[in-house]
Amino acid sequence: MKDLRIVFMGTPDFAVTILKNLVENNYNIVGVITAPDKPAGRGRKINESAVKKYAVSQGLHILQPKNLKAESFVEELRELNANLQIVVAFRMLPTVVWKMPEHGTFNLHASLLPEYRGAAPINWAIINGETKTGVTTFFIDDKIDTGEIILQKEVTIADEEIVGELHDKLMYLGADLVNETVDLIASGNVVTTKQPELEEKAAPKLFPHNCKIDWTKSLDEIYNHIRGLNPYPAAWTNIKNENDEVSAKIYGVGKQVEDHNHNAGTILTTKKEIKVAVRGGYLLINEIKISGKKKLNATSLLNGFTFSTDAKML
């Protein structure tokens, strides 16, 4: 077994679970690289990344470079004398950084590569109605998510699963896969597989424009779009209610398959139920946050909010 000196790179909660698993299994983490602190929220309080908070609690050596190409950072990284680097939910690395360690730099990606390369693979797998996904470890090369695959693990996606649930499932699966990958590297038994050249499904970054609900789409497409963004960043829509137009984020939803003659986007309510007419049936809205109000279930919202008879999702 090789004596590994590991540098870990990551920023959000997803990466914390992987780092924590490495620490608790006594791997030698000689450095942690994460995003610089930045002001956040109304008070502009300085916010530390989730990975930094955990690394501080464990007394790990932390680097927070603004520029990954800066000579001062590269020199500091070199001085750690790491022979393996692990990347989870971090920035694209310059060649000088990913080529530095003797045993290479590998990344954990939350999809079955080559499908869903990009920033939001967990969301897009659900949005596109996939029934399976997984996690992949691969050696980094000079493009994004294209390097040679080391290991993969597959999971099914349940019909009603939301992205928050799938995120956590893949996070724990990924933690196990990273440990298996490190053990393979330590034993010198790594056999990699070149990624096939195919028209892969993409996982672009999420922006307001691709989180907006298109009410002309089918019931299944809209249902998958909403659960693929629940709870974060959340699918949104505008609502026309008499002469007012407000925005709303939609979270929990259900499906009612049924023929009808309503126009797409028409809102129908009872005392306890909100449903929206779409192609192929009705979308049942169980949880919604109208701008300026709290997130509420349908019954609670209807206690204090009235939809007009011609109310419509836009």
Protein backbone atom coordinates (compact mmCIF):
# COMPACT_ATOMS: atom_id res chain seq x y z
CA MET A 1 0.00 0.00 0.00
CA LYS A 2 1.28 3.44 -0.93
CA ASP A 3 1.65 6.05 1.80
CA LEU A 4 -0.80 8.67 0.56
CA ARG A 5 -0.66 12.37 1.39
CA ILE A 6 -4.01 13.78 0.27
CA VAL A 7 -5.12 17.32 -0.55
CA PHE A 8 -8.91 17.68 -0.62
CA MET A 9 -10.67 20.41 -2.64
CA GLY A 10 -14.34 21.30 -2.19
CA THR A 11 -16.81 23.91 -0.99
CA PRO A 12 -20.48 22.93 -0.26
CA ASP A 13 -22.17 20.48 2.13
CA PHE A 14 -22.01 17.70 -0.46
CA ALA A 15 -18.19 17.87 -0.26
CA VAL A 16 -18.19 17.94 3.56
CA THR A 17 -19.68 14.46 3.80
CA ILE A 18 -16.94 13.07 1.54
CA LEU A 19 -14.17 14.84 3.50
CA LYS A 20 -15.65 13.74 6.83
CA ASN A 21 -15.72 10.13 5.66
CA LEU A 22 -12.03 10.32 4.69
CA VAL A 23 -11.07 11.87 8.04
CA GLU A 24 -13.08 9.33 10.06
CA ASN A 25 -11.42 6.49 8.14
CA ASN A 26 -7.99 7.89 9.04
CA TYR A 27 -6.77 8.90 5.59
CA ASN A 28 -3.90 11.38 5.75
CA ILE A 29 -5.38 14.77 4.73
CA VAL A 30 -2.45 17.19 4.55
CA GLY A 31 -4.43 20.14 3.19
CA VAL A 32 -7.93 21.37 2.36
CA ILE A 33 -8.57 23.89 -0.39
CA THR A 34 -11.88 25.73 -0.42
CA ALA A 35 -13.49 28.97 -1.58
CA PRO A 36 -12.49 32.30 0.01
CA ASP A 37 -14.78 33.68 2.72
CA LYS A 38 -17.34 36.13 1.38
CA PRO A 39 -20.04 38.44 2.78
CA ALA A 40 -23.56 37.02 2.59
CA GLY A 41 -27.10 37.87 3.67
CA ARG A 42 -28.62 41.19 4.66
CA GLY A 43 -26.01 42.00 7.29
CA ARG A 44 -23.21 41.12 4.82
CA LYS A 45 -21.67 38.94 7.51
CA ILE A 46 -18.57 37.05 6.44
CA ASN A 47 -19.61 33.54 5.45
CA GLU A 48 -17.24 30.57 5.48
CA SER A 49 -17.79 27.60 3.17
CA ALA A 50 -19.23 24.41 4.65
CA VAL A 51 -15.93 22.64 3.92
CA LYS A 52 -13.93 25.33 5.73
CA LYS A 53 -16.15 25.10 8.84
CA TYR A 54 -15.62 21.34 9.00
CA ALA A 55 -11.88 21.58 8.26
CA VAL A 56 -11.45 24.12 11.08
CA SER A 57 -13.28 21.79 13.49
CA GLN A 58 -10.79 19.04 12.63
CA GLY A 59 -7.68 21.23 12.79
CA LEU A 60 -6.88 20.62 9.11
CA HIS A 61 -4.52 22.87 7.14
CA ILE A 62 -6.68 25.21 4.98
CA LEU A 63 -5.89 27.19 1.84
CA GLN A 64 -8.40 29.65 0.32
CA PRO A 65 -6.91 30.96 -2.92
CA LYS A 66 -8.72 33.59 -4.97
CA ASN A 67 -6.59 32.72 -7.98
CA LEU A 68 -5.65 29.08 -8.53
CA LYS A 69 -2.92 30.08 -10.97
CA ALA A 70 -1.21 32.51 -8.56
CA GLU A 71 2.44 31.55 -8.03
CA SER A 72 2.12 32.07 -4.27
CA PHE A 73 -0.73 29.52 -4.08
CA VAL A 74 0.98 27.01 -6.39
CA GLU A 75 4.12 27.21 -4.25
CA GLU A 76 2.14 26.76 -1.02
CA LEU A 77 0.38 23.75 -2.53
CA ARG A 78 3.69 22.26 -3.64
CA GLU A 79 5.07 22.60 -0.09
CA LEU A 80 2.31 20.28 1.21
CA ASN A 81 4.07 17.50 -0.71
CA ALA A 82 0.76 15.76 -1.51
CA ASN A 83 0.83 12.76 -3.84
CA LEU A 84 -2.95 12.60 -4.45
CA GLN A 85 -5.63 15.29 -4.82
CA ILE A 86 -9.39 14.75 -4.51
CA VAL A 87 -11.88 17.25 -5.92
CA VAL A 88 -15.58 17.39 -5.00
CA ALA A 89 -17.80 20.31 -6.11
CA PHE A 90 -14.99 22.80 -6.69
CA ARG A 91 -13.74 25.06 -9.47
CA MET A 92 -12.01 24.02 -12.67
CA LEU A 93 -8.32 23.50 -11.92
CA PRO A 94 -5.41 24.87 -13.96
CA THR A 95 -3.06 22.25 -15.43
CA VAL A 96 -0.24 23.15 -13.05
CA VAL A 97 -2.49 22.19 -10.11
CA TRP A 98 -4.15 18.97 -11.31
CA LYS A 99 -0.91 17.59 -12.74
CA MET A 100 1.08 18.26 -9.57
CA PRO A 101 0.63 15.07 -7.47
CA GLU A 102 2.39 11.81 -8.36
CA HIS A 103 -0.84 9.76 -8.29
CA GLY A 104 -2.93 12.38 -10.06
CA THR A 105 -6.08 14.32 -9.18
CA PHE A 106 -9.46 12.65 -9.22
CA ASN A 107 -12.94 14.11 -9.11
CA LEU A 108 -16.24 12.80 -7.78
CA HIS A 109 -19.14 13.65 -10.10
CA ALA A 110 -22.80 13.03 -9.26
CA SER A 111 -23.84 11.29 -12.48
CA LEU A 112 -23.00 8.26 -14.57
CA LEU A 113 -20.46 9.91 -16.85
CA PRO A 114 -20.34 10.67 -19.74
CA GLU A 115 -23.99 11.63 -19.17
CA TYR A 116 -24.75 14.86 -17.32
CA ARG A 117 -21.41 16.59 -17.43
CA GLY A 118 -21.69 20.05 -15.95
CA ALA A 119 -22.72 22.00 -12.87
CA ALA A 120 -26.14 20.55 -11.96
CA PRO A 121 -26.22 16.81 -12.74
CA ILE A 122 -28.55 15.80 -9.90
CA ASN A 123 -31.21 18.33 -10.87
CA TRP A 124 -31.14 17.55 -14.59
CA ALA A 125 -31.40 13.79 -14.10
CA ILE A 126 -34.78 14.31 -12.39
CA ILE A 127 -35.91 17.15 -14.69
CA ASN A 128 -35.34 14.86 -17.67
CA GLY A 129 -37.30 12.02 -16.07
CA GLU A 130 -34.39 9.59 -15.67
CA THR A 131 -35.05 6.42 -13.69
CA LYS A 132 -31.42 5.88 -12.72
CA THR A 133 -28.28 7.89 -12.04
CA GLY A 134 -25.18 7.44 -9.90
CA VAL A 135 -21.73 8.68 -8.99
CA THR A 136 -18.44 8.51 -10.87
CA THR A 137 -14.81 8.99 -9.90
CA PHE A 138 -12.46 9.97 -12.72
CA PHE A 139 -8.99 11.41 -13.19
CA ILE A 140 -9.10 15.08 -14.13
CA ASP A 141 -7.82 16.17 -17.52
CA ASP A 142 -7.83 19.53 -19.31
CA LYS A 143 -11.58 19.57 -20.12
CA ILE A 144 -14.68 19.50 -17.88
CA ASP A 145 -15.75 16.04 -16.62
CA THR A 146 -14.09 14.19 -19.52
CA GLY A 147 -11.24 12.30 -17.83
CA GLU A 148 -10.79 8.54 -17.61
CA ILE A 149 -13.30 6.81 -15.33
CA ILE A 150 -12.03 4.96 -12.26
CA LEU A 151 -15.24 3.68 -10.60
CA GLN A 152 -19.02 4.14 -10.87
CA LYS A 153 -22.01 3.24 -8.69
CA GLU A 154 -25.60 3.32 -9.88
CA VAL A 155 -28.87 4.08 -8.05
CA THR A 156 -32.52 4.14 -9.11
CA ILE A 157 -34.55 7.34 -8.99
CA ALA A 158 -38.01 6.82 -7.51
CA ASP A 159 -41.06 8.29 -9.30
CA GLU A 160 -41.75 10.80 -6.53
CA GLU A 161 -38.16 11.49 -5.47
CA ILE A 162 -37.18 15.17 -5.25
CA VAL A 163 -33.71 16.55 -5.87
CA GLY A 164 -33.07 17.16 -2.15
CA GLU A 165 -33.54 13.46 -1.42
CA LEU A 166 -31.47 12.31 -4.40
CA HIS A 167 -28.70 14.78 -3.48
CA ASP A 168 -28.32 13.18 -0.04
CA LYS A 169 -28.47 9.64 -1.42
CA LEU A 170 -25.69 10.40 -3.93
CA MET A 171 -23.66 12.25 -1.30
CA TYR A 172 -23.38 9.15 0.92
CA LEU A 173 -22.90 6.84 -2.05
CA GLY A 174 -20.17 9.19 -3.29
CA ALA A 175 -18.40 9.15 0.08
CA ASP A 176 -18.11 5.36 -0.12
CA LEU A 177 -16.98 5.50 -3.75
CA VAL A 178 -14.23 8.03 -2.94
CA ASN A 179 -12.88 5.76 -0.20
CA GLU A 180 -12.90 2.77 -2.59
CA THR A 181 -11.10 4.87 -5.20
CA VAL A 182 -8.41 5.99 -2.73
CA ASP A 183 -7.87 2.37 -1.67
CA LEU A 184 -7.47 1.31 -5.31
CA ILE A 185 -4.90 4.05 -5.90
CA ALA A 186 -3.07 3.15 -2.68
CA SER A 187 -2.84 -0.51 -3.75
CA GLY A 188 -1.63 0.40 -7.25
CA ASN A 189 -4.52 -1.54 -8.82
CA VAL A 190 -6.31 1.24 -10.68
CA VAL A 191 -7.64 0.34 -14.13
CA THR A 192 -9.32 3.28 -15.86
CA THR A 193 -11.86 3.36 -18.67
CA LYS A 194 -11.83 6.02 -21.35
CA GLN A 195 -15.14 7.87 -21.56
CA PRO A 196 -17.06 6.91 -24.71
CA GLU A 197 -17.54 9.51 -27.42
CA LEU A 198 -21.28 10.00 -27.48
CA GLU A 199 -23.90 12.75 -27.53
CA GLU A 200 -24.20 13.01 -23.79
CA LYS A 201 -27.04 14.68 -21.92
CA ALA A 202 -25.84 17.97 -20.45
CA ALA A 203 -26.23 19.40 -16.94
CA PRO A 204 -25.84 23.18 -17.36
CA LYS A 205 -25.85 25.62 -14.48
CA LEU A 206 -29.29 26.61 -13.19
CA PHE A 207 -30.47 30.16 -13.76
CA PRO A 208 -33.91 31.79 -13.34
CA HIS A 209 -34.71 31.29 -17.03
CA ASN A 210 -34.29 27.50 -16.96
CA CYS A 211 -36.09 27.14 -13.60
CA LYS A 212 -39.28 28.85 -14.87
CA ILE A 213 -42.20 26.49 -15.44
CA ASP A 214 -43.46 26.18 -19.01
CA TRP A 215 -47.17 25.43 -18.61
CA THR A 216 -47.51 24.35 -22.28
CA LYS A 217 -45.48 21.22 -21.56
CA SER A 218 -47.00 17.84 -20.61
CA LEU A 219 -48.07 16.86 -17.09
CA ASP A 220 -45.07 14.55 -16.66
CA GLU A 221 -42.58 17.14 -17.95
CA ILE A 222 -43.86 19.83 -15.58
CA TYR A 223 -44.02 17.41 -12.64
CA ASN A 224 -40.40 16.31 -13.24
CA HIS A 225 -39.24 19.91 -13.68
CA ILE A 226 -40.67 20.91 -10.28
CA ARG A 227 -39.38 17.90 -8.33
CA GLY A 228 -35.97 18.29 -10.01
CA LEU A 229 -35.71 21.77 -8.44
CA ASN A 230 -37.26 21.02 -5.03
CA PRO A 231 -36.13 22.35 -2.59
CA TYR A 232 -33.35 24.25 -4.34
CA PRO A 233 -33.30 26.47 -6.32
CA ALA A 234 -37.08 25.85 -6.78
CA ALA A 235 -39.22 26.03 -9.90
CA TRP A 236 -41.07 29.31 -10.30
CA THR A 237 -43.93 30.88 -12.19
CA ASN A 238 -45.95 34.07 -12.49
CA ILE A 239 -49.60 33.99 -11.41
CA LYS A 240 -52.25 36.27 -12.92
CA ASN A 241 -54.99 36.81 -10.35
CA GLU A 242 -57.61 39.37 -11.44
CA ASN A 243 -55.56 42.52 -12.15
CA ASP A 244 -52.53 41.44 -10.15
CA GLU A 245 -49.50 39.47 -11.27
CA VAL A 246 -47.29 37.85 -8.63
CA SER A 247 -44.40 35.39 -8.77
CA ALA A 248 -44.39 32.13 -6.86
CA LYS A 249 -42.09 29.20 -6.18
CA ILE A 250 -43.69 25.77 -6.34
CA TYR A 251 -42.38 22.87 -4.25
CA GLY A 252 -44.47 19.78 -3.44
CA VAL A 253 -46.69 18.60 -6.31
CA GLY A 254 -48.78 15.63 -7.37
CA LYS A 255 -50.31 14.41 -10.65
CA GLN A 256 -53.89 13.77 -11.71
CA VAL A 257 -54.09 12.17 -15.16
CA GLU A 258 -57.39 13.18 -16.72
CA ASP A 259 -58.87 14.51 -19.98
CA HIS A 260 -60.20 18.07 -19.74
CA ASN A 261 -61.01 21.13 -21.84
CA HIS A 262 -59.26 23.81 -19.76
CA ASN A 263 -56.53 25.99 -21.21
CA ALA A 264 -53.00 25.21 -20.01
CA GLY A 265 -52.22 27.13 -16.82
CA THR A 266 -55.84 27.52 -15.66
CA ILE A 267 -56.02 27.41 -11.84
CA LEU A 268 -58.89 25.48 -10.21
CA THR A 269 -59.43 25.52 -6.44
CA THR A 270 -61.64 24.04 -3.74
CA LYS A 271 -61.39 24.87 -0.04
CA LYS A 272 -58.44 22.52 0.31
CA GLU A 273 -57.02 21.93 -3.16
CA ILE A 274 -55.15 23.89 -5.82
CA LYS A 275 -54.72 22.31 -9.21
CA VAL A 276 -53.48 23.59 -12.54
CA ALA A 277 -54.73 22.38 -15.90
CA VAL A 278 -51.95 21.16 -18.17
CA ARG A 279 -51.63 18.87 -21.17
CA GLY A 280 -52.63 15.38 -20.03
CA GLY A 281 -54.26 16.25 -16.71
CA TYR A 282 -53.90 18.43 -13.65
CA LEU A 283 -50.88 19.34 -11.57
CA LEU A 284 -51.79 19.27 -7.86
CA ILE A 285 -49.97 21.96 -5.91
CA ASN A 286 -49.28 20.78 -2.36
CA GLU A 287 -46.70 23.38 -1.31
CA ILE A 288 -46.18 26.89 -2.69
CA LYS A 289 -44.49 30.16 -1.74
CA ILE A 290 -46.10 33.25 -3.20
CA SER A 291 -43.81 36.29 -3.28
CA GLY A 292 -43.95 38.16 0.05
CA LYS A 293 -45.57 35.23 1.86
CA LYS A 294 -44.30 32.15 3.72
CA LYS A 295 -44.04 28.74 2.11
CA LEU A 296 -47.44 27.13 2.77
CA ASN A 297 -49.35 23.97 1.99
CA ALA A 298 -52.39 24.38 -0.24
CA THR A 299 -54.98 24.34 2.55
CA SER A 300 -53.13 26.97 4.62
CA LEU A 301 -52.71 29.26 1.60
CA LEU A 302 -56.38 29.00 0.66
CA ASN A 303 -57.37 30.04 4.20
CA GLY A 304 -56.03 33.55 3.52
CA PHE A 305 -55.61 33.87 -0.25
CA THR A 306 -58.32 33.83 -2.90
CA PHE A 307 -57.78 32.88 -6.53
CA SER A 308 -60.16 34.57 -8.97
CA THR A 309 -62.28 32.43 -11.30
CA ASP A 310 -60.00 33.36 -14.23
CA ALA A 311 -56.72 32.97 -12.30
CA LYS A 312 -53.92 31.56 -14.41
CA MET A 313 -50.31 30.40 -14.21
CA LEU A 314 -48.22 32.28 -16.77
